[in-house]
Amino acid sequence: MTAKPAQEPEPAPVATRTTEATSPKSEKTVPDDIPKGRQAAGVYEFTGPLATQYLEVPLTARPENPGRDATDDEPAIPATAATVFDWPFSAPDDGRWKPTKKKPNQLPDNAPANPEGE
């Protein structure tokens, strides 16, 4: 007879756990890590019209340059791709970056240069 009273208290904690799982406080299980005004971490391509500096990285982001042919007065300018950068924590959400699957083509401005031969 002592087995029945020991088994009866068990359903009460189970009911409490179920109530806690459906409470409004526990509905949001994943907190929002992305600060306001930022995008998720990842690789983004710069789409802005003018070169822009971001001091928190530091990074100078440059737009795509289609280049131009040489003229009598000016030398040719080679085409260059827009900055593609792997933002390690979060990217700016300033309308100048779009997610991309392209390979990053720029490091932070303060990154050491690769020695020749590597």
Protein backbone atom coordinates (compact mmCIF):
# COMPACT_ATOMS: atom_id res chain seq x y z
CA MET A 1 0.00 0.00 0.00
CA THR A 2 2.90 2.31 0.39
CA ALA A 3 3.59 1.99 -3.37
CA LYS A 4 0.38 3.85 -4.36
CA PRO A 5 1.11 7.08 -2.45
CA ALA A 6 4.65 7.12 -3.90
CA GLN A 7 3.24 6.88 -7.45
CA GLU A 8 0.51 9.52 -7.06
CA PRO A 9 2.83 12.54 -6.64
CA GLU A 10 4.57 11.76 -9.96
CA PRO A 11 1.71 12.93 -12.24
CA ALA A 12 1.63 16.37 -10.60
CA PRO A 13 5.21 17.30 -11.62
CA VAL A 14 4.55 15.99 -15.15
CA ALA A 15 1.47 18.24 -15.40
CA THR A 16 3.54 21.18 -14.12
CA ARG A 17 6.22 20.58 -16.78
CA THR A 18 3.55 20.46 -19.49
CA THR A 19 2.03 23.71 -18.24
CA GLU A 20 5.46 25.38 -18.23
CA ALA A 21 6.21 24.19 -21.76
CA THR A 22 3.06 25.85 -23.10
CA SER A 23 3.37 29.07 -21.13
CA PRO A 24 3.90 32.28 -23.16
CA LYS A 25 7.35 32.79 -21.62
CA SER A 26 8.70 29.57 -23.13
CA GLU A 27 7.12 29.94 -26.62
CA LYS A 28 10.20 31.81 -27.85
CA THR A 29 12.91 29.19 -27.58
CA VAL A 30 15.56 30.83 -29.81
CA PRO A 31 16.58 34.36 -28.79
CA ASP A 32 17.10 36.94 -31.51
CA ASP A 33 20.90 37.37 -31.64
CA ILE A 34 20.92 39.86 -34.52
CA PRO A 35 21.05 43.46 -33.29
CA LYS A 36 18.66 45.97 -34.77
CA GLY A 37 20.11 47.48 -37.95
CA ARG A 38 22.23 44.40 -38.68
CA GLN A 39 21.91 41.27 -40.83
CA ALA A 40 22.93 37.76 -39.89
CA ALA A 41 26.60 36.83 -40.13
CA GLY A 42 27.64 35.54 -43.53
CA VAL A 43 29.05 36.42 -46.94
CA TYR A 44 27.64 39.57 -48.54
CA GLU A 45 28.32 41.53 -51.72
CA PHE A 46 28.54 45.32 -51.60
CA THR A 47 25.89 46.97 -53.80
CA GLY A 48 26.36 50.62 -52.82
CA PRO A 49 27.25 53.24 -55.45
CA LEU A 50 30.28 54.74 -53.63
CA ALA A 51 33.16 53.26 -51.66
CA THR A 52 32.28 53.16 -47.97
CA GLN A 53 34.34 52.63 -44.83
CA TYR A 54 33.12 50.51 -41.93
CA LEU A 55 35.19 51.24 -38.86
CA GLU A 56 34.07 48.30 -36.72
CA VAL A 57 35.82 45.77 -39.00
CA PRO A 58 37.71 47.98 -40.43
CA LEU A 59 36.75 47.59 -44.06
CA THR A 60 36.63 49.76 -47.15
CA ALA A 61 33.84 48.37 -49.31
CA ARG A 62 34.02 49.20 -52.99
CA PRO A 63 31.31 48.99 -55.66
CA GLU A 64 31.72 47.06 -58.90
CA ASN A 65 33.71 48.99 -61.49
CA PRO A 66 33.01 48.02 -65.11
CA GLY A 67 36.30 49.60 -66.18
CA ARG A 68 36.89 51.50 -69.41
CA ASP A 69 38.97 51.36 -72.54
CA ALA A 70 41.92 53.63 -73.06
CA THR A 71 41.33 56.91 -74.84
CA ASP A 72 43.76 59.39 -76.34
CA ASP A 73 43.76 61.34 -73.07
CA GLU A 74 43.33 58.64 -70.41
CA PRO A 75 44.69 55.15 -69.80
CA ALA A 76 42.44 52.09 -69.59
CA ILE A 77 40.94 51.19 -66.24
CA PRO A 78 40.50 47.44 -65.64
CA ALA A 79 37.15 46.14 -64.44
CA THR A 80 36.97 45.17 -60.77
CA ALA A 81 34.37 43.15 -58.89
CA ALA A 82 32.40 44.59 -55.98
CA THR A 83 33.64 43.84 -52.48
CA VAL A 84 32.50 40.43 -51.25
CA PHE A 85 33.14 40.13 -47.53
CA ASP A 86 32.56 37.44 -44.93
CA TRP A 87 31.03 39.33 -42.01
CA PRO A 88 32.04 37.30 -38.95
CA PHE A 89 29.33 38.44 -36.52
CA SER A 90 26.70 40.48 -38.36
CA ALA A 91 26.58 42.58 -41.51
CA PRO A 92 25.28 46.15 -41.72
CA ASP A 93 21.64 46.40 -42.72
CA ASP A 94 22.10 49.74 -44.45
CA GLY A 95 20.75 48.68 -47.84
CA ARG A 96 24.22 48.34 -49.38
CA TRP A 97 24.84 44.63 -48.83
CA LYS A 98 23.11 41.59 -50.31
CA PRO A 99 23.68 37.95 -49.35
CA THR A 100 25.73 36.04 -51.89
CA LYS A 101 27.24 32.62 -52.51
CA LYS A 102 30.31 34.22 -54.10
CA LYS A 103 33.70 33.62 -52.52
CA PRO A 104 34.94 36.56 -50.37
CA ASN A 105 37.43 38.74 -52.24
CA GLN A 106 38.49 41.15 -49.49
CA LEU A 107 39.96 40.97 -45.99
CA PRO A 108 39.73 43.70 -43.35
CA ASP A 109 41.89 46.73 -44.17
CA ASN A 110 44.17 45.98 -41.21
CA ALA A 111 44.80 42.32 -42.14
CA PRO A 112 48.46 41.55 -42.81
CA ALA A 113 49.36 41.09 -46.45
CA ASN A 114 50.11 37.56 -47.61
CA PRO A 115 53.82 37.05 -48.24
CA GLU A 116 54.66 36.36 -51.89
CA GLY A 117 54.61 32.69 -52.77
CA GLU A 118 51.62 31.79 -50.61
